[in-house]
């Protein structure tokens, strides 16, 4: 190759390299400057192209078809009450009654005891240990074994049956059944013929037949009933029928004294319980009348032979229990009244104080494993009464006298009102207390009746009475015959 051709090619190549190096150096040293007057262009929005879904395998399709697998698992783990539809409020929990809870505690004991080593070093414990769980334990008692296997509803029913809460209401029902005895003595004194007062002031109408003699006898048939209720599940009904026989005579112009005897039968009826009360009473009374002023005194003693039958039936366990017991009641009262009436009309405001006591011996039921040993019970309460008594005597054309009468009063009872009975299962368990209806602090009594004087020696009378308190109501019907001698 000639020499001049070679040099020309190298010269062109050298020039090209030199020009490229100069442009690269200028571009590297010069920084781009933005003109302030030129507005920057808005960036263009990128148009996203639709993505074509990628075909999946059968395994991937099954995995992605169940959305939110974690939340679904959480829902599956939430417990649902059996038989309870989702989305609704759960049913209320059945809670034992107060008496049912009392017997439940008496037959429970802890399933485990604390560690003796830990008991010696209480400072090593960082916090008090929770109370150990309790279970029903009573060896060799079929009733308690049936209680352990019962469901919640059957357990509540069983505890009420085993507790025998009606035993705590017997005291109040018995005291209510003996009230007509005191009322009979007061009625006899109200209707005594006081001829001196009638002649002296004209304020005391002849409410009863008298004679020219100094005494009289009277016979009264009574029917009395009512109920004692602490709540809807422990209502104890009682009904009493009996006869009252009395006699009184005049000591002087102011004083009358009398004696009374009564025989009565009372029937008790409650859920899973019924019983009888055979009673007899003795009493004495005295009346002092000075013009419109009257003082009436009375006292009575009652003896009661009680019998009861109780039924226990739950969760395959059944028992029939019998009981018998002795009880007594004592009553005393004093009443003052002042007759404001004129002629054949009697209007007498009155006030009285009284004292009533009840005592029952302990007894043990006869039966199976549900039998109870019931401890004795004693209660006593003073009381005061304020009221108004009215009567009017009309003379009939045939010579008879008709006397309608009406009395209203309010009674206030003092002292403790609770009715509690201590008892325990004969086979296993500790003693516990059942609570009945409280004595009424205040009660209202309404008494209405009519007396018909047949002759100077014979009088017939009939009366209706009702008493209402906080937890008891009672009513009564009385028929009376009086003969003077």
Protein backbone atom coordinates (compact mmCIF):
# COMPACT_ATOMS: atom_id res chain seq x y z
CA UNK A 1 0.00 0.00 0.00
CA UNK A 2 1.33 3.52 -0.85
CA UNK A 3 2.44 5.69 2.02
CA UNK A 4 0.19 8.73 1.28
CA UNK A 5 -2.96 6.59 1.40
CA UNK A 6 -2.15 5.24 4.83
CA UNK A 7 -1.52 8.71 6.26
CA UNK A 8 -4.80 10.09 4.92
CA UNK A 9 -6.85 7.39 6.64
CA UNK A 10 -5.10 7.90 9.92
CA UNK A 11 -5.63 11.63 9.70
CA UNK A 12 -9.45 11.27 9.26
CA UNK A 13 -9.63 8.85 12.17
CA UNK A 14 -7.67 11.17 14.43
CA UNK A 15 -9.90 14.15 13.61
CA UNK A 16 -13.05 12.17 14.37
CA UNK A 17 -11.73 11.03 17.71
CA UNK A 18 -10.73 14.58 18.63
CA UNK A 19 -14.21 15.99 17.85
CA UNK A 20 -15.94 13.25 19.91
CA UNK A 21 -13.75 13.87 22.92
CA UNK A 22 -14.48 17.61 22.85
CA UNK A 23 -18.31 17.11 22.76
CA UNK A 24 -18.20 14.57 25.58
CA UNK A 25 -16.16 16.98 27.74
CA UNK A 26 -18.55 19.89 27.15
CA UNK A 27 -21.63 17.80 27.93
CA UNK A 28 -20.07 16.61 31.17
CA UNK A 29 -19.07 20.10 32.39
CA UNK A 30 -22.25 22.00 31.44
CA UNK A 31 -25.29 21.66 33.93
CA UNK A 32 -28.79 21.99 32.51
CA UNK A 33 -30.61 25.25 33.53
CA UNK A 34 -34.39 25.64 33.64
CA UNK A 35 -35.80 28.84 32.25
CA UNK A 36 -38.11 30.50 34.82
CA UNK A 37 -40.42 31.78 32.14
CA UNK A 38 -41.00 28.38 30.63
CA UNK A 39 -43.73 26.41 32.51
CA UNK A 40 -42.92 22.83 33.15
CA UNK A 41 -44.95 20.38 31.25
CA UNK A 42 -47.44 18.23 33.08
CA UNK A 43 -46.40 14.62 33.23
CA UNK A 44 -48.40 12.35 31.08
CA UNK A 45 -50.62 9.81 32.67
CA UNK A 46 -49.55 6.34 31.99
CA UNK A 47 -52.21 4.27 30.46
CA UNK A 48 -52.37 0.93 32.14
CA UNK A 49 -52.92 -1.83 29.77
CA UNK A 50 -55.46 -4.46 30.82
CA UNK A 51 -53.81 -7.47 32.25
CA UNK A 52 -55.01 -10.67 30.88
CA UNK A 53 -55.50 -13.18 33.75
CA UNK A 54 -53.10 -15.93 33.68
CA UNK A 55 -54.65 -19.36 33.48
CA UNK A 56 -54.42 -21.25 36.80
CA UNK A 57 -54.14 -24.81 37.67
CA UNK A 58 -56.91 -26.71 39.43
CA UNK A 59 -54.96 -26.60 42.72
CA UNK A 60 -54.55 -22.82 42.60
CA UNK A 61 -58.27 -22.37 41.83
CA UNK A 62 -59.28 -24.37 44.93
CA UNK A 63 -56.87 -22.41 47.13
CA UNK A 64 -58.11 -18.95 46.05
CA UNK A 65 -61.85 -19.75 46.00
CA UNK A 66 -62.09 -19.46 49.88
CA UNK A 67 -61.63 -15.75 50.75
CA UNK A 68 -60.19 -14.67 54.13
CA UNK A 69 -59.29 -18.11 55.40
CA UNK A 70 -57.94 -16.68 58.70
CA UNK A 71 -61.22 -14.94 59.72
CA UNK A 72 -63.22 -17.97 58.74
CA UNK A 73 -61.13 -20.11 61.01
CA UNK A 74 -61.69 -17.68 63.89
CA UNK A 75 -65.46 -17.86 63.41
CA UNK A 76 -65.36 -21.61 63.37
CA UNK A 77 -63.61 -21.63 66.75
CA UNK A 78 -66.29 -19.46 68.50
CA UNK A 79 -68.42 -21.76 70.76
CA UNK A 80 -72.15 -21.65 70.25
CA UNK A 81 -74.57 -22.77 72.98
CA UNK A 82 -76.37 -25.98 72.03
CA UNK A 83 -79.89 -25.31 70.84
CA UNK A 84 -79.32 -21.55 70.89
CA UNK A 85 -79.71 -19.81 67.47
CA UNK A 86 -76.84 -17.46 66.53
CA UNK A 87 -77.43 -13.72 66.66
CA UNK A 88 -79.93 -13.87 69.55
CA UNK A 89 -79.44 -13.10 73.26
CA UNK A 90 -78.43 -16.19 75.27
CA UNK A 91 -81.06 -17.57 77.68
CA UNK A 92 -81.00 -16.34 81.30
CA UNK A 93 -79.12 -18.43 83.79
CA UNK A 94 -81.33 -20.24 86.30
CA UNK A 95 -80.31 -19.20 89.81
CA UNK A 96 -81.27 -21.17 92.97
CA UNK A 97 -83.49 -19.50 95.54
CA UNK A 98 -82.15 -18.25 98.86
CA UNK A 99 -83.23 -21.42 100.66
CA UNK A 100 -81.87 -23.61 97.85
CA UNK A 101 -78.50 -21.85 98.07
CA UNK A 102 -78.46 -22.41 101.84
CA UNK A 103 -78.80 -26.19 101.62
CA UNK A 104 -76.37 -26.30 98.70
CA UNK A 105 -73.67 -24.70 100.85
CA UNK A 106 -74.40 -27.11 103.70
CA UNK A 107 -73.56 -30.16 101.56
CA UNK A 108 -70.53 -28.69 99.75
CA UNK A 109 -66.85 -28.84 100.56
CA UNK A 110 -63.64 -27.82 98.69
CA UNK A 111 -62.29 -30.37 96.23
CA UNK A 112 -58.70 -29.57 97.22
CA UNK A 113 -56.97 -28.16 100.27
CA UNK A 114 -54.09 -25.66 100.25
CA UNK A 115 -50.51 -26.95 100.34
CA UNK A 116 -49.22 -27.08 103.96
CA UNK A 117 -45.78 -25.92 102.84
CA UNK A 118 -47.25 -22.84 101.23
CA UNK A 119 -49.41 -22.19 104.25
CA UNK A 120 -46.28 -21.94 106.45
CA UNK A 121 -44.66 -19.38 104.12
CA UNK A 122 -47.35 -16.97 103.00
CA UNK A 123 -44.77 -14.31 102.10
CA UNK A 124 -43.53 -16.43 99.18
CA UNK A 125 -46.88 -16.18 97.46
CA UNK A 126 -47.02 -13.25 95.02
CA UNK A 127 -50.84 -13.06 95.21
CA UNK A 128 -53.62 -14.84 97.11
CA UNK A 129 -54.61 -18.08 95.46
CA UNK A 130 -58.14 -18.26 94.01
CA UNK A 131 -60.79 -20.03 96.06
CA UNK A 132 -60.81 -23.75 95.24
CA UNK A 133 -63.76 -25.12 93.36
CA UNK A 134 -66.51 -26.68 95.46
CA UNK A 135 -68.41 -29.81 94.74
CA UNK A 136 -71.38 -31.49 96.36
CA UNK A 137 -70.13 -34.31 98.54
CA UNK A 138 -72.25 -36.29 100.98
CA UNK A 139 -71.36 -39.96 101.33
CA UNK A 140 -74.09 -42.63 101.37
CA UNK A 141 -76.90 -40.21 100.46
CA UNK A 142 -78.92 -41.11 97.38
CA UNK A 143 -80.60 -37.69 97.29
CA UNK A 144 -77.27 -35.89 97.00
CA UNK A 145 -75.98 -38.38 94.42
CA UNK A 146 -79.04 -37.67 92.28
CA UNK A 147 -78.41 -33.97 92.76
CA UNK A 148 -74.87 -34.30 91.40
CA UNK A 149 -76.03 -35.79 88.09
CA UNK A 150 -79.00 -33.42 87.55
CA UNK A 151 -78.93 -30.68 84.93
CA UNK A 152 -79.17 -27.00 85.83
CA UNK A 153 -82.96 -26.75 85.83
CA UNK A 154 -83.45 -29.98 87.77
CA UNK A 155 -80.81 -28.89 90.30
CA UNK A 156 -82.69 -25.70 91.17
CA UNK A 157 -85.95 -27.64 91.64
CA UNK A 158 -84.20 -30.32 93.68
CA UNK A 159 -82.55 -27.82 96.03
CA UNK A 160 -85.91 -26.17 96.81
CA UNK A 161 -87.49 -29.53 97.55
CA UNK A 162 -84.63 -30.62 99.79
CA UNK A 163 -84.56 -27.28 101.66
CA UNK A 164 -88.27 -27.53 102.72
CA UNK A 165 -88.75 -23.77 102.97
CA UNK A 166 -92.39 -24.22 104.09
CA UNK A 167 -91.09 -25.18 107.55
CA UNK A 168 -90.10 -21.55 108.11
CA UNK A 169 -93.68 -20.37 107.40
CA UNK A 170 -95.35 -22.66 109.96
CA UNK A 171 -94.84 -20.17 112.81
CA UNK A 172 -96.60 -17.30 111.05
CA UNK A 173 -99.43 -19.51 109.78
CA UNK A 174 -100.01 -20.97 113.25
CA UNK A 175 -100.10 -17.54 114.91
CA UNK A 176 -102.58 -16.37 112.29
CA UNK A 177 -104.82 -19.39 112.95
CA UNK A 178 -105.06 -18.62 116.71
CA UNK A 179 -106.04 -14.95 116.28
CA UNK A 180 -109.78 -15.79 116.14
CA UNK A 181 -109.56 -17.07 119.72
CA UNK A 182 -108.66 -13.64 121.08
CA UNK A 183 -111.21 -12.07 118.74
CA UNK A 184 -113.90 -14.35 120.22
CA UNK A 185 -113.19 -13.18 123.76
CA UNK A 186 -113.22 -9.53 122.67
CA UNK A 187 -116.47 -10.05 120.80
CA UNK A 188 -118.06 -11.57 123.89
CA UNK A 189 -117.05 -8.57 125.98
CA UNK A 190 -118.17 -6.04 123.35
CA UNK A 191 -121.62 -7.57 123.34
CA UNK A 192 -122.07 -7.91 127.07
CA UNK A 193 -125.30 -6.35 128.31
CA UNK A 194 -124.42 -3.47 130.63
CA UNK A 195 -127.73 -2.34 131.99
CA UNK A 196 -126.18 0.13 134.40
CA UNK A 197 -124.34 1.96 131.63
CA UNK A 198 -127.47 2.02 129.49
CA UNK A 199 -129.54 3.51 132.31
CA UNK A 200 -126.84 5.86 133.54
CA UNK A 201 -125.70 7.57 130.34
CA UNK A 202 -127.79 6.25 127.51
CA UNK A 203 -124.60 5.87 125.47
CA UNK A 204 -124.29 2.09 125.46
CA UNK A 205 -126.79 0.36 123.18
CA UNK A 206 -127.94 -3.16 123.92
CA UNK A 207 -125.58 -5.05 121.60
CA UNK A 208 -126.42 -8.44 123.05
CA UNK A 209 -129.23 -10.09 124.92
CA UNK A 210 -129.02 -10.15 128.63
CA UNK A 211 -131.27 -11.34 131.35
CA UNK A 212 -132.26 -10.49 134.83
CA UNK A 213 -129.67 -12.96 136.06
CA UNK A 214 -125.95 -12.44 136.54
CA UNK A 215 -124.45 -14.70 133.88
CA UNK A 216 -124.60 -16.14 130.40
CA UNK A 217 -123.05 -18.82 128.20
CA UNK A 218 -122.10 -18.44 124.59
CA UNK A 219 -121.05 -20.76 121.79
CA UNK A 220 -119.24 -19.61 118.69
CA UNK A 221 -118.43 -21.57 115.53
CA UNK A 222 -115.57 -20.16 113.51
CA UNK A 223 -114.05 -20.69 110.11
CA UNK A 224 -110.79 -18.95 109.33
CA UNK A 225 -108.37 -19.10 106.41
CA UNK A 226 -105.55 -17.28 104.67
CA UNK A 227 -102.17 -17.60 103.08
CA UNK A 228 -98.57 -16.73 103.84
CA UNK A 229 -96.35 -15.98 100.86
CA UNK A 230 -92.73 -14.94 100.73
CA UNK A 231 -92.65 -15.38 96.94
CA UNK A 232 -94.69 -17.10 94.27
CA UNK A 233 -92.95 -20.47 94.80
CA UNK A 234 -93.37 -20.72 98.61
CA UNK A 235 -97.04 -19.91 99.30
CA UNK A 236 -98.43 -21.66 102.40
CA UNK A 237 -102.22 -21.74 102.66
CA UNK A 238 -104.02 -22.44 105.93
CA UNK A 239 -107.64 -22.98 106.92
CA UNK A 240 -109.11 -23.42 110.42
CA UNK A 241 -112.44 -24.67 111.70
CA UNK A 242 -113.40 -24.82 115.35
CA UNK A 243 -115.80 -24.24 118.22
CA UNK A 244 -115.40 -21.79 121.10
CA UNK A 245 -117.41 -22.17 124.30
CA UNK A 246 -117.48 -19.45 126.96
CA UNK A 247 -119.26 -18.40 130.11
CA UNK A 248 -119.16 -15.15 132.05
CA UNK A 249 -120.89 -13.62 135.04
CA UNK A 250 -121.17 -10.34 136.85
CA UNK A 251 -119.11 -9.72 139.99
CA UNK A 252 -120.51 -6.27 140.77
CA UNK A 253 -121.89 -3.23 138.99
CA UNK A 254 -118.64 -2.66 137.08
CA UNK A 255 -116.92 -6.02 136.62
CA UNK A 256 -117.66 -9.08 134.48
CA UNK A 257 -115.33 -12.09 134.35
CA UNK A 258 -115.38 -15.12 132.06
CA UNK A 259 -113.72 -18.35 130.99
CA UNK A 260 -113.30 -19.76 127.52
CA UNK A 261 -112.33 -23.09 125.92
CA UNK A 262 -111.83 -23.86 122.22
CA UNK A 263 -111.07 -26.79 119.93
CA UNK A 264 -109.83 -26.18 116.39
CA UNK A 265 -108.37 -28.03 113.43
CA UNK A 266 -106.03 -26.29 110.96
CA UNK A 267 -105.03 -27.53 107.53
CA UNK A 268 -101.77 -26.49 105.81
CA UNK A 269 -101.18 -26.74 102.08
CA UNK A 270 -98.11 -25.77 100.04
CA UNK A 271 -96.16 -27.05 97.06
CA UNK A 272 -94.79 -30.51 97.94
CA UNK A 273 -96.11 -30.13 101.53
CA UNK A 274 -99.36 -30.56 103.45
CA UNK A 275 -100.04 -30.83 107.16
CA UNK A 276 -102.56 -30.74 109.99
CA UNK A 277 -102.60 -28.87 113.29
CA UNK A 278 -104.82 -30.14 116.09
CA UNK A 279 -105.26 -27.36 118.68
CA UNK A 280 -107.03 -26.72 121.95
CA UNK A 281 -107.19 -23.42 123.85
CA UNK A 282 -108.00 -22.18 127.34
CA UNK A 283 -108.57 -18.53 128.20
CA UNK A 284 -109.89 -16.05 130.71
CA UNK A 285 -111.18 -12.50 130.30
CA UNK A 286 -112.52 -9.59 132.37
CA UNK A 287 -114.50 -6.45 131.59
CA UNK A 288 -114.82 -3.27 133.65
CA UNK A 289 -117.51 -0.85 132.51
CA UNK A 290 -117.96 2.62 134.01
CA UNK A 291 -120.46 4.57 131.98
CA UNK A 292 -119.01 5.12 128.49
CA UNK A 293 -115.54 3.91 129.53
CA UNK A 294 -114.63 0.22 129.13
CA UNK A 295 -111.52 -1.76 130.06
CA UNK A 296 -111.17 -5.25 128.56
CA UNK A 297 -108.50 -7.78 129.57
CA UNK A 298 -107.79 -11.29 128.26
CA UNK A 299 -105.25 -14.11 128.15
CA UNK A 300 -105.17 -17.51 126.42
CA UNK A 301 -102.95 -20.54 126.06
CA UNK A 302 -102.97 -22.92 123.10
CA UNK A 303 -101.41 -26.34 122.62
CA UNK A 304 -100.85 -27.68 119.09
CA UNK A 305 -100.10 -31.17 117.77
CA UNK A 306 -98.72 -30.87 114.26
CA UNK A 307 -98.28 -33.45 111.51
CA UNK A 308 -96.76 -32.94 108.08
CA UNK A 309 -96.13 -34.81 104.84
CA UNK A 310 -93.49 -33.75 102.34
CA UNK A 311 -92.75 -35.01 98.83
CA UNK A 312 -89.34 -34.98 97.12
CA UNK A 313 -89.09 -36.10 93.50
CA UNK A 314 -86.33 -35.18 91.01
CA UNK A 315 -83.89 -36.81 88.57
CA UNK A 316 -85.08 -40.34 89.31
CA UNK A 317 -84.96 -39.87 93.10
CA UNK A 318 -88.20 -40.02 95.09
CA UNK A 319 -88.93 -39.82 98.80
CA UNK A 320 -91.99 -39.46 101.03
CA UNK A 321 -91.36 -37.89 104.41
CA UNK A 322 -93.52 -37.60 107.54
CA UNK A 323 -93.14 -35.40 110.59
CA UNK A 324 -94.87 -34.75 113.90
CA UNK A 325 -94.18 -31.98 116.41
CA UNK A 326 -95.57 -30.12 119.43
CA UNK A 327 -96.04 -26.37 119.64
CA UNK A 328 -97.67 -23.83 121.94
CA UNK A 329 -98.95 -20.25 121.74
CA UNK A 330 -99.66 -17.65 124.41
CA UNK A 331 -101.61 -14.41 124.00
CA UNK A 332 -102.43 -11.54 126.36
CA UNK A 333 -104.14 -8.24 125.59
CA UNK A 334 -105.62 -5.14 127.19
CA UNK A 335 -108.09 -2.81 125.45
CA UNK A 336 -109.64 0.51 126.41
CA UNK A 337 -112.59 2.14 124.68
CA UNK A 338 -114.84 5.15 125.12
CA UNK A 339 -118.36 5.19 123.73
CA UNK A 340 -119.23 8.49 122.05
CA UNK A 341 -122.65 7.39 120.80
CA UNK A 342 -126.12 8.41 121.91
CA UNK A 343 -129.25 6.38 122.39
CA UNK A 344 -129.22 3.29 120.18
CA UNK A 345 -126.04 4.30 118.30
CA UNK A 346 -122.58 3.27 119.53
CA UNK A 347 -119.39 4.93 118.28
CA UNK A 348 -116.39 3.69 120.21
CA UNK A 349 -112.75 4.54 119.41
CA UNK A 350 -110.45 2.02 121.07
CA UNK A 351 -106.79 1.24 121.62
CA UNK A 352 -105.14 -1.99 122.74
CA UNK A 353 -101.76 -3.54 123.46
CA UNK A 354 -100.95 -7.22 123.18
CA UNK A 355 -98.25 -9.85 123.35
CA UNK A 356 -98.08 -13.06 121.32
CA UNK A 357 -95.56 -15.89 121.67
CA UNK A 358 -94.95 -19.04 119.63
CA UNK A 359 -92.77 -21.99 120.59
CA UNK A 360 -92.16 -25.21 118.64
CA UNK A 361 -90.11 -28.22 119.67
CA UNK A 362 -87.50 -29.77 117.41
CA UNK A 363 -88.31 -32.92 115.45
CA UNK A 364 -86.84 -35.35 112.91
CA UNK A 365 -88.63 -36.42 109.76
CA UNK A 366 -89.19 -40.09 109.05
CA UNK A 367 -88.32 -41.25 105.55
CA UNK A 368 -85.33 -41.79 103.29
CA UNK A 369 -82.18 -39.84 102.49
CA UNK A 370 -84.04 -36.53 102.07
CA UNK A 371 -85.18 -36.52 105.73
CA UNK A 372 -84.38 -33.40 107.76
CA UNK A 373 -83.66 -32.77 111.39
CA UNK A 374 -85.53 -29.57 112.23
CA UNK A 375 -84.41 -27.56 115.25
CA UNK A 376 -86.82 -25.88 117.66
CA UNK A 377 -88.09 -22.35 117.11
CA UNK A 378 -89.31 -19.59 119.43
CA UNK A 379 -90.53 -16.11 118.64
CA UNK A 380 -92.42 -13.41 120.56
CA UNK A 381 -93.79 -10.03 119.50
CA UNK A 382 -95.63 -7.24 121.31
CA UNK A 383 -98.15 -5.21 119.33
CA UNK A 384 -100.46 -2.20 119.53
CA UNK A 385 -103.81 -1.56 117.83
CA UNK A 386 -105.88 1.55 117.14
CA UNK A 387 -109.41 1.39 115.76
CA UNK A 388 -113.01 2.49 115.67
CA UNK A 389 -116.08 0.38 116.39
CA UNK A 390 -119.67 1.34 115.46
CA UNK A 391 -123.07 -0.28 115.97
CA UNK A 392 -126.75 0.62 115.78
CA UNK A 393 -129.64 -1.23 117.40
CA UNK A 394 -133.04 -1.28 115.72
CA UNK A 395 -136.22 -2.56 117.40
CA UNK A 396 -138.35 -4.76 115.16
CA UNK A 397 -142.13 -4.95 115.29
CA UNK A 398 -142.09 -8.50 116.61
CA UNK A 399 -140.06 -7.46 119.64
CA UNK A 400 -136.67 -8.59 118.29
CA UNK A 401 -133.61 -6.38 118.01
CA UNK A 402 -131.30 -6.14 115.00
CA UNK A 403 -127.82 -4.73 115.53
CA UNK A 404 -125.46 -4.29 112.55
CA UNK A 405 -121.87 -3.54 113.54
CA UNK A 406 -118.63 -2.50 111.86
CA UNK A 407 -115.07 -2.26 113.16
CA UNK A 408 -111.82 -1.12 111.51
CA UNK A 409 -108.35 -1.15 113.08
CA UNK A 410 -104.64 -0.90 112.33
CA UNK A 411 -102.15 -3.17 114.11
CA UNK A 412 -98.44 -2.46 114.55
CA UNK A 413 -96.06 -5.29 115.52
CA UNK A 414 -92.81 -4.66 117.39
CA UNK A 415 -89.60 -6.67 117.65
CA UNK A 416 -87.85 -8.93 115.16
CA UNK A 417 -89.95 -9.91 112.17
CA UNK A 418 -87.74 -12.58 110.58
CA UNK A 419 -88.97 -16.17 110.43
CA UNK A 420 -85.98 -18.50 110.22
CA UNK A 421 -85.74 -22.22 110.93
CA UNK A 422 -82.48 -24.13 111.35
CA UNK A 423 -82.33 -27.68 110.04
CA UNK A 424 -80.01 -30.20 108.38
CA UNK A 425 -80.03 -33.42 106.40
CA UNK A 426 -80.11 -36.43 108.69
CA UNK A 427 -77.59 -38.28 106.48
CA UNK A 428 -74.74 -35.94 105.67
CA UNK A 429 -74.43 -32.20 105.48
CA UNK A 430 -74.20 -29.38 107.98
CA UNK A 431 -77.02 -27.33 109.50
CA UNK A 432 -78.47 -24.47 107.48
CA UNK A 433 -81.25 -21.90 107.82
CA UNK A 434 -84.36 -21.51 105.68
CA UNK A 435 -86.17 -18.18 105.66
CA UNK A 436 -89.92 -17.73 105.49
CA UNK A 437 -92.23 -14.74 105.16
CA UNK A 438 -91.61 -12.03 107.74
CA UNK A 439 -94.17 -11.08 110.33
CA UNK A 440 -96.25 -8.12 109.17
CA UNK A 441 -95.02 -4.87 110.69
CA UNK A 442 -98.37 -3.21 109.94
CA UNK A 443 -101.69 -4.82 109.10
CA UNK A 444 -105.23 -3.61 108.57
CA UNK A 445 -108.32 -5.42 109.91
CA UNK A 446 -111.94 -4.94 108.92
CA UNK A 447 -114.76 -6.66 110.83
CA UNK A 448 -118.46 -6.52 109.96
CA UNK A 449 -121.42 -8.43 111.34
CA UNK A 450 -124.98 -8.40 112.58
CA UNK A 451 -126.63 -9.62 115.80
CA UNK A 452 -130.26 -10.68 116.09
CA UNK A 453 -131.81 -10.68 119.57
CA UNK A 454 -134.45 -13.39 119.53
CA UNK A 455 -135.59 -12.96 123.13
CA UNK A 456 -134.38 -11.65 126.43
CA UNK A 457 -132.19 -14.72 126.80
CA UNK A 458 -131.14 -15.78 123.28
CA UNK A 459 -129.10 -13.96 120.62
CA UNK A 460 -127.70 -15.09 117.28
CA UNK A 461 -124.84 -13.36 115.48
CA UNK A 462 -122.76 -13.71 112.35
CA UNK A 463 -119.58 -11.88 111.39
CA UNK A 464 -117.05 -11.53 108.60
CA UNK A 465 -113.48 -10.44 109.15
CA UNK A 466 -110.47 -9.78 106.95
CA UNK A 467 -106.85 -8.88 107.67
CA UNK A 468 -104.17 -7.83 105.18
CA UNK A 469 -100.44 -7.31 105.73
CA UNK A 470 -97.25 -7.17 103.69
CA UNK A 471 -96.82 -10.92 103.16
CA UNK A 472 -100.08 -12.42 104.41
CA UNK A 473 -103.81 -12.19 104.04
CA UNK A 474 -106.48 -13.85 106.16
CA UNK A 475 -110.24 -13.94 106.32
CA UNK A 476 -112.80 -15.46 108.63
CA UNK A 477 -116.47 -16.24 109.17
CA UNK A 478 -117.97 -16.60 112.65
CA UNK A 479 -121.39 -17.62 113.88
CA UNK A 480 -122.33 -17.07 117.52
CA UNK A 481 -125.16 -18.09 119.83
CA UNK A 482 -125.52 -16.55 123.29
CA UNK A 483 -127.90 -17.50 126.08
CA UNK A 484 -128.34 -15.55 129.31
CA UNK A 485 -129.22 -17.21 132.62
